[in-house]
Amino acid sequence: MSDNIQQRKRNASQIEADLAATRDRLTASVETLIDQVHPNRIKQRSLDRVKQLANAEFESAKSTIFNARGDLRTDRLAVAGAAAAGFVTFLLIMRSLVRRARRRS
């Protein structure tokens, strides 16, 4: 009962202050909701995640090629170069075989 009596004793300025505080909380909630669902913000967050992932992958690849001092890891470069050369050779052989098959047809 005493709570009811205290509620009745509030004056107009207290009620206005409560309304202003409630209005501020509601405004903040609506702004947060708009920020979460707005297409441009969703796009921006997605782009930020992709950039962060790409940067992490770049740093990972960079650490594969360079050691902690910044020197090239020649053994890994040699393996990567050999793999690339093998892939190019494979593509050239396949291209040659396809061309021969077309000529015979």
PDB file of N, CA and C in Angstrom:
ATOM      1  N   MET A   1       0.797  -1.188   0.000  1.00  0.00           N
ATOM      2  CA  MET A   1       0.000   0.000   0.000  1.00  0.00           C
ATOM      3  C   MET A   1       0.847   1.262   0.000  1.00  0.00           C
ATOM      4  N   SER A   2       1.955   1.230   0.705  1.00  0.00           N
ATOM      5  CA  SER A   2       2.778   2.422   0.799  1.00  0.00           C
ATOM      6  C   SER A   2       3.342   2.802  -0.568  1.00  0.00           C
ATOM      7  N   ASP A   3       3.561   1.791  -1.447  1.00  0.00           N
ATOM      8  CA  ASP A   3       4.026   2.097  -2.800  1.00  0.00           C
ATOM      9  C   ASP A   3       2.977   2.889  -3.569  1.00  0.00           C
ATOM     10  N   ASN A   4       1.725   2.541  -3.412  1.00  0.00           N
ATOM     11  CA  ASN A   4       0.647   3.271  -4.083  1.00  0.00           C
ATOM     12  C   ASN A   4       0.588   4.709  -3.611  1.00  0.00           C
ATOM     13  N   ILE A   5       0.775   4.900  -2.336  1.00  0.00           N
ATOM     14  CA  ILE A   5       0.733   6.251  -1.781  1.00  0.00           C
ATOM     15  C   ILE A   5       1.898   7.067  -2.317  1.00  0.00           C
ATOM     16  N   GLN A   6       3.088   6.431  -2.404  1.00  0.00           N
ATOM     17  CA  GLN A   6       4.246   7.145  -2.941  1.00  0.00           C
ATOM     18  C   GLN A   6       4.050   7.456  -4.419  1.00  0.00           C
ATOM     19  N   GLN A   7       3.409   6.556  -5.153  1.00  0.00           N
ATOM     20  CA  GLN A   7       3.143   6.809  -6.572  1.00  0.00           C
ATOM     21  C   GLN A   7       2.218   8.017  -6.726  1.00  0.00           C
ATOM     22  N   ARG A   8       1.242   8.149  -5.859  1.00  0.00           N
ATOM     23  CA  ARG A   8       0.297   9.254  -5.949  1.00  0.00           C
ATOM     24  C   ARG A   8       0.943  10.578  -5.573  1.00  0.00           C
ATOM     25  N   LYS A   9       1.972  10.526  -4.741  1.00  0.00           N
ATOM     26  CA  LYS A   9       2.619  11.749  -4.270  1.00  0.00           C
ATOM     27  C   LYS A   9       3.616  12.307  -5.279  1.00  0.00           C
ATOM     28  N   ARG A  10       3.852  11.597  -6.373  1.00  0.00           N
ATOM     29  CA  ARG A  10       4.800  12.113  -7.369  1.00  0.00           C
ATOM     30  C   ARG A  10       4.235  13.390  -7.981  1.00  0.00           C
ATOM     31  N   ASN A  11       5.094  14.335  -8.198  1.00  0.00           N
ATOM     32  CA  ASN A  11       4.629  15.580  -8.785  1.00  0.00           C
ATOM     33  C   ASN A  11       4.823  15.545 -10.308  1.00  0.00           C
ATOM     34  N   ALA A  12       4.413  16.565 -10.966  1.00  0.00           N
ATOM     35  CA  ALA A  12       4.454  16.618 -12.423  1.00  0.00           C
ATOM     36  C   ALA A  12       5.879  16.549 -12.964  1.00  0.00           C
ATOM     37  N   SER A  13       6.822  17.183 -12.304  1.00  0.00           N
ATOM     38  CA  SER A  13       8.201  17.171 -12.804  1.00  0.00           C
ATOM     39  C   SER A  13       8.804  15.769 -12.723  1.00  0.00           C
ATOM     40  N   GLN A  14       8.446  15.000 -11.670  1.00  0.00           N
ATOM     41  CA  GLN A  14       8.927  13.623 -11.579  1.00  0.00           C
ATOM     42  C   GLN A  14       8.333  12.762 -12.689  1.00  0.00           C
ATOM     43  N   ILE A  15       7.072  12.937 -12.954  1.00  0.00           N
ATOM     44  CA  ILE A  15       6.422  12.176 -14.024  1.00  0.00           C
ATOM     45  C   ILE A  15       7.034  12.542 -15.371  1.00  0.00           C
ATOM     46  N   GLU A  16       7.271  13.819 -15.600  1.00  0.00           N
ATOM     47  CA  GLU A  16       7.901  14.248 -16.856  1.00  0.00           C
ATOM     48  C   GLU A  16       9.312  13.680 -16.981  1.00  0.00           C
ATOM     49  N   ALA A  17      10.052  13.636 -15.891  1.00  0.00           N
ATOM     50  CA  ALA A  17      11.403  13.071 -15.913  1.00  0.00           C
ATOM     51  C   ALA A  17      11.348  11.572 -16.236  1.00  0.00           C
ATOM     52  N   ASP A  18      10.390  10.855 -15.653  1.00  0.00           N
ATOM     53  CA  ASP A  18      10.225   9.435 -15.965  1.00  0.00           C
ATOM     54  C   ASP A  18       9.872   9.229 -17.433  1.00  0.00           C
ATOM     55  N   LEU A  19       8.981  10.047 -17.944  1.00  0.00           N
ATOM     56  CA  LEU A  19       8.604   9.957 -19.363  1.00  0.00           C
ATOM     57  C   LEU A  19       9.793  10.240 -20.276  1.00  0.00           C
ATOM     58  N   ALA A  20      10.595  11.234 -19.911  1.00  0.00           N
ATOM     59  CA  ALA A  20      11.776  11.568 -20.725  1.00  0.00           C
ATOM     60  C   ALA A  20      12.773  10.418 -20.712  1.00  0.00           C
ATOM     61  N   ALA A  21      12.986   9.805 -19.547  1.00  0.00           N
ATOM     62  CA  ALA A  21      13.908   8.674 -19.458  1.00  0.00           C
ATOM     63  C   ALA A  21      13.399   7.496 -20.283  1.00  0.00           C
ATOM     64  N   THR A  22      12.095   7.242 -20.198  1.00  0.00           N
ATOM     65  CA  THR A  22      11.506   6.155 -20.979  1.00  0.00           C
ATOM     66  C   THR A  22      11.617   6.446 -22.467  1.00  0.00           C
ATOM     67  N   ARG A  23      11.381   7.685 -22.857  1.00  0.00           N
ATOM     68  CA  ARG A  23      11.490   8.083 -24.264  1.00  0.00           C
ATOM     69  C   ARG A  23      12.924   7.888 -24.754  1.00  0.00           C
ATOM     70  N   ASP A  24      13.908   8.255 -23.931  1.00  0.00           N
ATOM     71  CA  ASP A  24      15.319   8.082 -24.307  1.00  0.00           C
ATOM     72  C   ASP A  24      15.671   6.607 -24.485  1.00  0.00           C
ATOM     73  N   ARG A  25      15.192   5.758 -23.558  1.00  0.00           N
ATOM     74  CA  ARG A  25      15.458   4.317 -23.680  1.00  0.00           C
ATOM     75  C   ARG A  25      14.806   3.751 -24.935  1.00  0.00           C
ATOM     76  N   LEU A  26      13.592   4.177 -25.219  1.00  0.00           N
ATOM     77  CA  LEU A  26      12.891   3.708 -26.415  1.00  0.00           C
ATOM     78  C   LEU A  26      13.615   4.169 -27.678  1.00  0.00           C
ATOM     79  N   THR A  27      14.074   5.395 -27.709  1.00  0.00           N
ATOM     80  CA  THR A  27      14.817   5.916 -28.855  1.00  0.00           C
ATOM     81  C   THR A  27      16.096   5.121 -29.081  1.00  0.00           C
ATOM     82  N   ALA A  28      16.813   4.827 -28.013  1.00  0.00           N
ATOM     83  CA  ALA A  28      18.046   4.048 -28.131  1.00  0.00           C
ATOM     84  C   ALA A  28      17.748   2.640 -28.643  1.00  0.00           C
ATOM     85  N   SER A  29      16.667   2.044 -28.160  1.00  0.00           N
ATOM     86  CA  SER A  29      16.299   0.698 -28.607  1.00  0.00           C
ATOM     87  C   SER A  29      15.939   0.685 -30.095  1.00  0.00           C
ATOM     88  N   VAL A  30      15.191   1.678 -30.527  1.00  0.00           N
ATOM     89  CA  VAL A  30      14.798   1.756 -31.934  1.00  0.00           C
ATOM     90  C   VAL A  30      16.028   1.992 -32.813  1.00  0.00           C
ATOM     91  N   GLU A  31      16.925   2.862 -32.384  1.00  0.00           N
ATOM     92  CA  GLU A  31      18.145   3.113 -33.158  1.00  0.00           C
ATOM     93  C   GLU A  31      19.008   1.865 -33.256  1.00  0.00           C
ATOM     94  N   THR A  32      19.091   1.108 -32.173  1.00  0.00           N
ATOM     95  CA  THR A  32      19.847  -0.151 -32.193  1.00  0.00           C
ATOM     96  C   THR A  32      19.206  -1.143 -33.148  1.00  0.00           C
ATOM     97  N   LEU A  33      17.897  -1.242 -33.110  1.00  0.00           N
ATOM     98  CA  LEU A  33      17.179  -2.155 -34.007  1.00  0.00           C
ATOM     99  C   LEU A  33      17.387  -1.753 -35.465  1.00  0.00           C
ATOM    100  N   ILE A  34      17.283  -0.482 -35.763  1.00  0.00           N
ATOM    101  CA  ILE A  34      17.497  -0.004 -37.136  1.00  0.00           C
ATOM    102  C   ILE A  34      18.918  -0.328 -37.583  1.00  0.00           C
ATOM    103  N   ASP A  35      19.887  -0.125 -36.707  1.00  0.00           N
ATOM    104  CA  ASP A  35      21.284  -0.414 -37.033  1.00  0.00           C
ATOM    105  C   ASP A  35      21.471  -1.900 -37.343  1.00  0.00           C
ATOM    106  N   GLN A  36      20.768  -2.762 -36.631  1.00  0.00           N
ATOM    107  CA  GLN A  36      20.916  -4.199 -36.827  1.00  0.00           C
ATOM    108  C   GLN A  36      20.273  -4.689 -38.114  1.00  0.00           C
ATOM    109  N   VAL A  37      19.176  -4.100 -38.538  1.00  0.00           N
ATOM    110  CA  VAL A  37      18.429  -4.642 -39.676  1.00  0.00           C
ATOM    111  C   VAL A  37      18.540  -3.818 -40.956  1.00  0.00           C
ATOM    112  N   HIS A  38      19.189  -2.675 -40.916  1.00  0.00           N
ATOM    113  CA  HIS A  38      19.300  -1.842 -42.119  1.00  0.00           C
ATOM    114  C   HIS A  38      20.200  -2.542 -43.137  1.00  0.00           C
ATOM    115  N   PRO A  39      19.760  -2.640 -44.396  1.00  0.00           N
ATOM    116  CA  PRO A  39      20.535  -3.358 -45.417  1.00  0.00           C
ATOM    117  C   PRO A  39      21.968  -2.846 -45.586  1.00  0.00           C
ATOM    118  N   ASN A  40      22.162  -1.553 -45.529  1.00  0.00           N
ATOM    119  CA  ASN A  40      23.518  -1.018 -45.680  1.00  0.00           C
ATOM    120  C   ASN A  40      24.428  -1.443 -44.525  1.00  0.00           C
ATOM    121  N   ARG A  41      23.877  -1.482 -43.308  1.00  0.00           N
ATOM    122  CA  ARG A  41      24.679  -1.910 -42.159  1.00  0.00           C
ATOM    123  C   ARG A  41      24.985  -3.408 -42.238  1.00  0.00           C
ATOM    124  N   ILE A  42      24.005  -4.197 -42.692  1.00  0.00           N
ATOM    125  CA  ILE A  42      24.242  -5.632 -42.863  1.00  0.00           C
ATOM    126  C   ILE A  42      25.343  -5.843 -43.896  1.00  0.00           C
ATOM    127  N   LYS A  43      25.261  -5.103 -44.992  1.00  0.00           N
ATOM    128  CA  LYS A  43      26.281  -5.203 -46.044  1.00  0.00           C
ATOM    129  C   LYS A  43      27.647  -4.804 -45.497  1.00  0.00           C
ATOM    130  N   GLN A  44      27.698  -3.716 -44.737  1.00  0.00           N
ATOM    131  CA  GLN A  44      28.963  -3.240 -44.195  1.00  0.00           C
ATOM    132  C   GLN A  44      29.573  -4.248 -43.228  1.00  0.00           C
ATOM    133  N   ARG A  45      28.731  -4.836 -42.371  1.00  0.00           N
ATOM    134  CA  ARG A  45      29.247  -5.848 -41.443  1.00  0.00           C
ATOM    135  C   ARG A  45      29.764  -7.064 -42.199  1.00  0.00           C
ATOM    136  N   SER A  46      29.061  -7.463 -43.253  1.00  0.00           N
ATOM    137  CA  SER A  46      29.516  -8.607 -44.052  1.00  0.00           C
ATOM    138  C   SER A  46      30.839  -8.297 -44.738  1.00  0.00           C
ATOM    139  N   LEU A  47      30.955  -7.102 -45.298  1.00  0.00           N
ATOM    140  CA  LEU A  47      32.214  -6.714 -45.944  1.00  0.00           C
ATOM    141  C   LEU A  47      33.362  -6.671 -44.933  1.00  0.00           C
ATOM    142  N   ASP A  48      33.076  -6.171 -43.750  1.00  0.00           N
ATOM    143  CA  ASP A  48      34.114  -6.127 -42.712  1.00  0.00           C
ATOM    144  C   ASP A  48      34.589  -7.530 -42.353  1.00  0.00           C
ATOM    145  N   ARG A  49      33.637  -8.473 -42.252  1.00  0.00           N
ATOM    146  CA  ARG A  49      34.017  -9.857 -41.932  1.00  0.00           C
ATOM    147  C   ARG A  49      34.844 -10.468 -43.050  1.00  0.00           C
ATOM    148  N   VAL A  50      34.458 -10.207 -44.309  1.00  0.00           N
ATOM    149  CA  VAL A  50      35.209 -10.750 -45.447  1.00  0.00           C
ATOM    150  C   VAL A  50      36.612 -10.159 -45.476  1.00  0.00           C
ATOM    151  N   LYS A  51      36.719  -8.850 -45.251  1.00  0.00           N
ATOM    152  CA  LYS A  51      38.040  -8.206 -45.221  1.00  0.00           C
ATOM    153  C   LYS A  51      38.903  -8.777 -44.109  1.00  0.00           C
ATOM    154  N   GLN A  52      38.296  -8.999 -42.954  1.00  0.00           N
ATOM    155  CA  GLN A  52      39.045  -9.545 -41.827  1.00  0.00           C
ATOM    156  C   GLN A  52      39.521 -10.963 -42.148  1.00  0.00           C
ATOM    157  N   LEU A  53      38.663 -11.769 -42.766  1.00  0.00           N
ATOM    158  CA  LEU A  53      39.041 -13.125 -43.145  1.00  0.00           C
ATOM    159  C   LEU A  53      40.146 -13.103 -44.197  1.00  0.00           C
ATOM    160  N   ALA A  54      40.006 -12.240 -45.197  1.00  0.00           N
ATOM    161  CA  ALA A  54      41.020 -12.143 -46.245  1.00  0.00           C
ATOM    162  C   ALA A  54      42.360 -11.700 -45.655  1.00  0.00           C
ATOM    163  N   ASN A  55      42.323 -10.756 -44.747  1.00  0.00           N
ATOM    164  CA  ASN A  55      43.556 -10.285 -44.109  1.00  0.00           C
ATOM    165  C   ASN A  55      44.204 -11.406 -43.295  1.00  0.00           C
ATOM    166  N   ALA A  56      43.396 -12.173 -42.589  1.00  0.00           N
ATOM    167  CA  ALA A  56      43.931 -13.287 -41.799  1.00  0.00           C
ATOM    168  C   ALA A  56      44.553 -14.345 -42.709  1.00  0.00           C
ATOM    169  N   GLU A  57      43.891 -14.634 -43.829  1.00  0.00           N
ATOM    170  CA  GLU A  57      44.425 -15.618 -44.775  1.00  0.00           C
ATOM    171  C   GLU A  57      45.715 -15.110 -45.418  1.00  0.00           C
ATOM    172  N   PHE A  58      45.749 -13.813 -45.726  1.00  0.00           N
ATOM    173  CA  PHE A  58      46.955 -13.222 -46.303  1.00  0.00           C
ATOM    174  C   PHE A  58      48.126 -13.335 -45.326  1.00  0.00           C
ATOM    175  N   GLU A  59      47.856 -13.011 -44.061  1.00  0.00           N
ATOM    176  CA  GLU A  59      48.906 -13.099 -43.054  1.00  0.00           C
ATOM    177  C   GLU A  59      49.366 -14.548 -42.865  1.00  0.00           C
ATOM    178  N   SER A  60      48.426 -15.478 -42.964  1.00  0.00           N
ATOM    179  CA  SER A  60      48.787 -16.889 -42.844  1.00  0.00           C
ATOM    180  C   SER A  60      49.673 -17.324 -44.010  1.00  0.00           C
ATOM    181  N   ALA A  61      49.291 -16.909 -45.220  1.00  0.00           N
ATOM    182  CA  ALA A  61      50.106 -17.243 -46.394  1.00  0.00           C
ATOM    183  C   ALA A  61      51.472 -16.570 -46.315  1.00  0.00           C
ATOM    184  N   LYS A  62      51.484 -15.358 -45.828  1.00  0.00           N
ATOM    185  CA  LYS A  62      52.741 -14.623 -45.691  1.00  0.00           C
ATOM    186  C   LYS A  62      53.663 -15.324 -44.692  1.00  0.00           C
ATOM    187  N   SER A  63      53.094 -15.830 -43.606  1.00  0.00           N
ATOM    188  CA  SER A  63      53.921 -16.523 -42.612  1.00  0.00           C
ATOM    189  C   SER A  63      54.426 -17.856 -43.152  1.00  0.00           C
ATOM    190  N   THR A  64      53.749 -18.390 -44.156  1.00  0.00           N
ATOM    191  CA  THR A  64      54.220 -19.622 -44.778  1.00  0.00           C
ATOM    192  C   THR A  64      55.452 -19.350 -45.632  1.00  0.00           C
ATOM    193  N   ILE A  65      55.522 -18.181 -46.244  1.00  0.00           N
ATOM    194  CA  ILE A  65      56.617 -17.844 -47.155  1.00  0.00           C
ATOM    195  C   ILE A  65      57.781 -17.184 -46.425  1.00  0.00           C
ATOM    196  N   PHE A  66      57.493 -16.413 -45.380  1.00  0.00           N
ATOM    197  CA  PHE A  66      58.534 -15.699 -44.630  1.00  0.00           C
ATOM    198  C   PHE A  66      58.630 -16.252 -43.216  1.00  0.00           C
ATOM    199  N   ASN A  67      59.841 -16.321 -42.679  1.00  0.00           N
ATOM    200  CA  ASN A  67      60.007 -16.737 -41.286  1.00  0.00           C
ATOM    201  C   ASN A  67      59.837 -15.530 -40.370  1.00  0.00           C
ATOM    202  N   ALA A  68      60.034 -15.727 -39.077  1.00  0.00           N
ATOM    203  CA  ALA A  68      59.801 -14.658 -38.096  1.00  0.00           C
ATOM    204  C   ALA A  68      60.730 -13.465 -38.300  1.00  0.00           C
ATOM    205  N   ARG A  69      61.929 -13.690 -38.844  1.00  0.00           N
ATOM    206  CA  ARG A  69      62.869 -12.587 -39.077  1.00  0.00           C
ATOM    207  C   ARG A  69      62.578 -11.834 -40.363  1.00  0.00           C
ATOM    208  N   GLY A  70      61.685 -12.373 -41.196  1.00  0.00           N
ATOM    209  CA  GLY A  70      61.370 -11.725 -42.467  1.00  0.00           C
ATOM    210  C   GLY A  70      62.137 -12.301 -43.636  1.00  0.00           C
ATOM    211  N   ASP A  71      62.918 -13.359 -43.405  1.00  0.00           N
ATOM    212  CA  ASP A  71      63.664 -14.005 -44.489  1.00  0.00           C
ATOM    213  C   ASP A  71      62.753 -14.965 -45.242  1.00  0.00           C
ATOM    214  N   LEU A  72      63.036 -15.094 -46.542  1.00  0.00           N
ATOM    215  CA  LEU A  72      62.265 -16.030 -47.353  1.00  0.00           C
ATOM    216  C   LEU A  72      62.561 -17.465 -46.942  1.00  0.00           C
ATOM    217  N   ARG A  73      61.531 -18.279 -46.949  1.00  0.00           N
ATOM    218  CA  ARG A  73      61.707 -19.709 -46.707  1.00  0.00           C
ATOM    219  C   ARG A  73      61.869 -20.368 -48.073  1.00  0.00           C
ATOM    220  N   THR A  74      63.115 -20.501 -48.507  1.00  0.00           N
ATOM    221  CA  THR A  74      63.390 -20.975 -49.867  1.00  0.00           C
ATOM    222  C   THR A  74      62.915 -22.398 -50.087  1.00  0.00           C
ATOM    223  N   ASP A  75      62.925 -23.222 -49.057  1.00  0.00           N
ATOM    224  CA  ASP A  75      62.455 -24.590 -49.228  1.00  0.00           C
ATOM    225  C   ASP A  75      60.969 -24.617 -49.575  1.00  0.00           C
ATOM    226  N   ARG A  76      60.200 -23.776 -48.921  1.00  0.00           N
ATOM    227  CA  ARG A  76      58.761 -23.733 -49.217  1.00  0.00           C
ATOM    228  C   ARG A  76      58.497 -23.069 -50.569  1.00  0.00           C
ATOM    229  N   LEU A  77      59.301 -22.080 -50.910  1.00  0.00           N
ATOM    230  CA  LEU A  77      59.145 -21.449 -52.225  1.00  0.00           C
ATOM    231  C   LEU A  77      59.457 -22.444 -53.334  1.00  0.00           C
ATOM    232  N   ALA A  78      60.470 -23.269 -53.122  1.00  0.00           N
ATOM    233  CA  ALA A  78      60.833 -24.273 -54.130  1.00  0.00           C
ATOM    234  C   ALA A  78      59.697 -25.270 -54.318  1.00  0.00           C
ATOM    235  N   VAL A  79      59.090 -25.700 -53.245  1.00  0.00           N
ATOM    236  CA  VAL A  79      57.963 -26.636 -53.333  1.00  0.00           C
ATOM    237  C   VAL A  79      56.784 -25.982 -54.051  1.00  0.00           C
ATOM    238  N   ALA A  80      56.482 -24.738 -53.696  1.00  0.00           N
ATOM    239  CA  ALA A  80      55.371 -24.034 -54.348  1.00  0.00           C
ATOM    240  C   ALA A  80      55.666 -23.809 -55.824  1.00  0.00           C
ATOM    241  N   GLY A  81      56.898 -23.446 -56.152  1.00  0.00           N
ATOM    242  CA  GLY A  81      57.271 -23.247 -57.559  1.00  0.00           C
ATOM    243  C   GLY A  81      57.190 -24.540 -58.339  1.00  0.00           C
ATOM    244  N   ALA A  82      57.624 -25.633 -57.749  1.00  0.00           N
ATOM    245  CA  ALA A  82      57.550 -26.931 -58.431  1.00  0.00           C
ATOM    246  C   ALA A  82      56.090 -27.344 -58.646  1.00  0.00           C
ATOM    247  N   ALA A  83      55.253 -27.097 -57.663  1.00  0.00           N
ATOM    248  CA  ALA A  83      53.832 -27.424 -57.809  1.00  0.00           C
ATOM    249  C   ALA A  83      53.197 -26.580 -58.922  1.00  0.00           C
ATOM    250  N   ALA A  84      53.527 -25.300 -58.959  1.00  0.00           N
ATOM    251  CA  ALA A  84      52.989 -24.431 -60.009  1.00  0.00           C
ATOM    252  C   ALA A  84      53.494 -24.872 -61.379  1.00  0.00           C
ATOM    253  N   ALA A  85      54.778 -25.207 -61.477  1.00  0.00           N
ATOM    254  CA  ALA A  85      55.331 -25.668 -62.756  1.00  0.00           C
ATOM    255  C   ALA A  85      54.670 -26.970 -63.182  1.00  0.00           C
ATOM    256  N   GLY A  86      54.439 -27.864 -62.254  1.00  0.00           N
ATOM    257  CA  GLY A  86      53.757 -29.120 -62.569  1.00  0.00           C
ATOM    258  C   GLY A  86      52.340 -28.887 -63.052  1.00  0.00           C
ATOM    259  N   PHE A  87      51.641 -27.952 -62.435  1.00  0.00           N
ATOM    260  CA  PHE A  87      50.272 -27.645 -62.842  1.00  0.00           C
ATOM    261  C   PHE A  87      50.239 -27.048 -64.247  1.00  0.00           C
ATOM    262  N   VAL A  88      51.149 -26.126 -64.520  1.00  0.00           N
ATOM    263  CA  VAL A  88      51.226 -25.523 -65.855  1.00  0.00           C
ATOM    264  C   VAL A  88      51.565 -26.589 -66.896  1.00  0.00           C
ATOM    265  N   THR A  89      52.492 -27.479 -66.577  1.00  0.00           N
ATOM    266  CA  THR A  89      52.847 -28.565 -67.497  1.00  0.00           C
ATOM    267  C   THR A  89      51.639 -29.451 -67.754  1.00  0.00           C
ATOM    268  N   PHE A  90      50.898 -29.777 -66.719  1.00  0.00           N
ATOM    269  CA  PHE A  90      49.683 -30.575 -66.876  1.00  0.00           C
ATOM    270  C   PHE A  90      48.696 -29.885 -67.809  1.00  0.00           C
ATOM    271  N   LEU A  91      48.477 -28.583 -67.607  1.00  0.00           N
ATOM    272  CA  LEU A  91      47.555 -27.842 -68.463  1.00  0.00           C
ATOM    273  C   LEU A  91      48.017 -27.836 -69.920  1.00  0.00           C
ATOM    274  N   LEU A  92      49.314 -27.656 -70.138  1.00  0.00           N
ATOM    275  CA  LEU A  92      49.836 -27.647 -71.509  1.00  0.00           C
ATOM    276  C   LEU A  92      49.684 -29.008 -72.173  1.00  0.00           C
ATOM    277  N   ILE A  93      49.935 -30.071 -71.453  1.00  0.00           N
ATOM    278  CA  ILE A  93      49.757 -31.418 -72.010  1.00  0.00           C
ATOM    279  C   ILE A  93      48.295 -31.668 -72.339  1.00  0.00           C
ATOM    280  N   MET A  94      47.399 -31.292 -71.441  1.00  0.00           N
ATOM    281  CA  MET A  94      45.960 -31.478 -71.694  1.00  0.00           C
ATOM    282  C   MET A  94      45.520 -30.658 -72.906  1.00  0.00           C
ATOM    283  N   ARG A  95      46.011 -29.464 -73.019  1.00  0.00           N
ATOM    284  CA  ARG A  95      45.671 -28.615 -74.166  1.00  0.00           C
ATOM    285  C   ARG A  95      46.149 -29.259 -75.457  1.00  0.00           C
ATOM    286  N   SER A  96      47.353 -29.788 -75.433  1.00  0.00           N
ATOM    287  CA  SER A  96      47.903 -30.447 -76.614  1.00  0.00           C
ATOM    288  C   SER A  96      47.075 -31.665 -76.999  1.00  0.00           C
ATOM    289  N   LEU A  97      46.682 -32.472 -76.022  1.00  0.00           N
ATOM    290  CA  LEU A  97      45.877 -33.665 -76.299  1.00  0.00           C
ATOM    291  C   LEU A  97      44.500 -33.302 -76.866  1.00  0.00           C
ATOM    292  N   VAL A  98      43.902 -32.254 -76.339  1.00  0.00           N
ATOM    293  CA  VAL A  98      42.590 -31.823 -76.833  1.00  0.00           C
ATOM    294  C   VAL A  98      42.707 -31.333 -78.269  1.00  0.00           C
ATOM    295  N   ARG A  99      43.750 -30.587 -78.581  1.00  0.00           N
ATOM    296  CA  ARG A  99      43.941 -30.091 -79.948  1.00  0.00           C
ATOM    297  C   ARG A  99      44.159 -31.244 -80.922  1.00  0.00           C
ATOM    298  N   ARG A 100      44.939 -32.249 -80.525  1.00  0.00           N
ATOM    299  CA  ARG A 100      45.155 -33.411 -81.382  1.00  0.00           C
ATOM    300  C   ARG A 100      43.867 -34.159 -81.634  1.00  0.00           C
ATOM    301  N   ALA A 101      43.059 -34.289 -80.584  1.00  0.00           N
ATOM    302  CA  ALA A 101      41.789 -34.992 -80.737  1.00  0.00           C
ATOM    303  C   ALA A 101      40.860 -34.226 -81.662  1.00  0.00           C
ATOM    304  N   ARG A 102      40.875 -32.925 -81.627  1.00  0.00           N
ATOM    305  CA  ARG A 102      40.026 -32.120 -82.519  1.00  0.00           C
ATOM    306  C   ARG A 102      40.487 -32.235 -83.952  1.00  0.00           C
ATOM    307  N   ARG A 103      41.786 -32.273 -84.186  1.00  0.00           N
ATOM    308  CA  ARG A 103      42.322 -32.377 -85.555  1.00  0.00           C
ATOM    309  C   ARG A 103      41.937 -33.702 -86.188  1.00  0.00           C
ATOM    310  N   ARG A 104      41.932 -34.760 -85.414  1.00  0.00           N
ATOM    311  CA  ARG A 104      41.601 -36.093 -85.935  1.00  0.00           C
ATOM    312  C   ARG A 104      40.135 -36.255 -86.193  1.00  0.00           C
ATOM    313  N   SER A 105      39.308 -35.459 -85.581  1.00  0.00           N
ATOM    314  CA  SER A 105      37.851 -35.604 -85.745  1.00  0.00           C
ATOM    315  C   SER A 105      37.370 -35.000 -87.016  1.00  0.00           C
TER     316      SER A 105
END
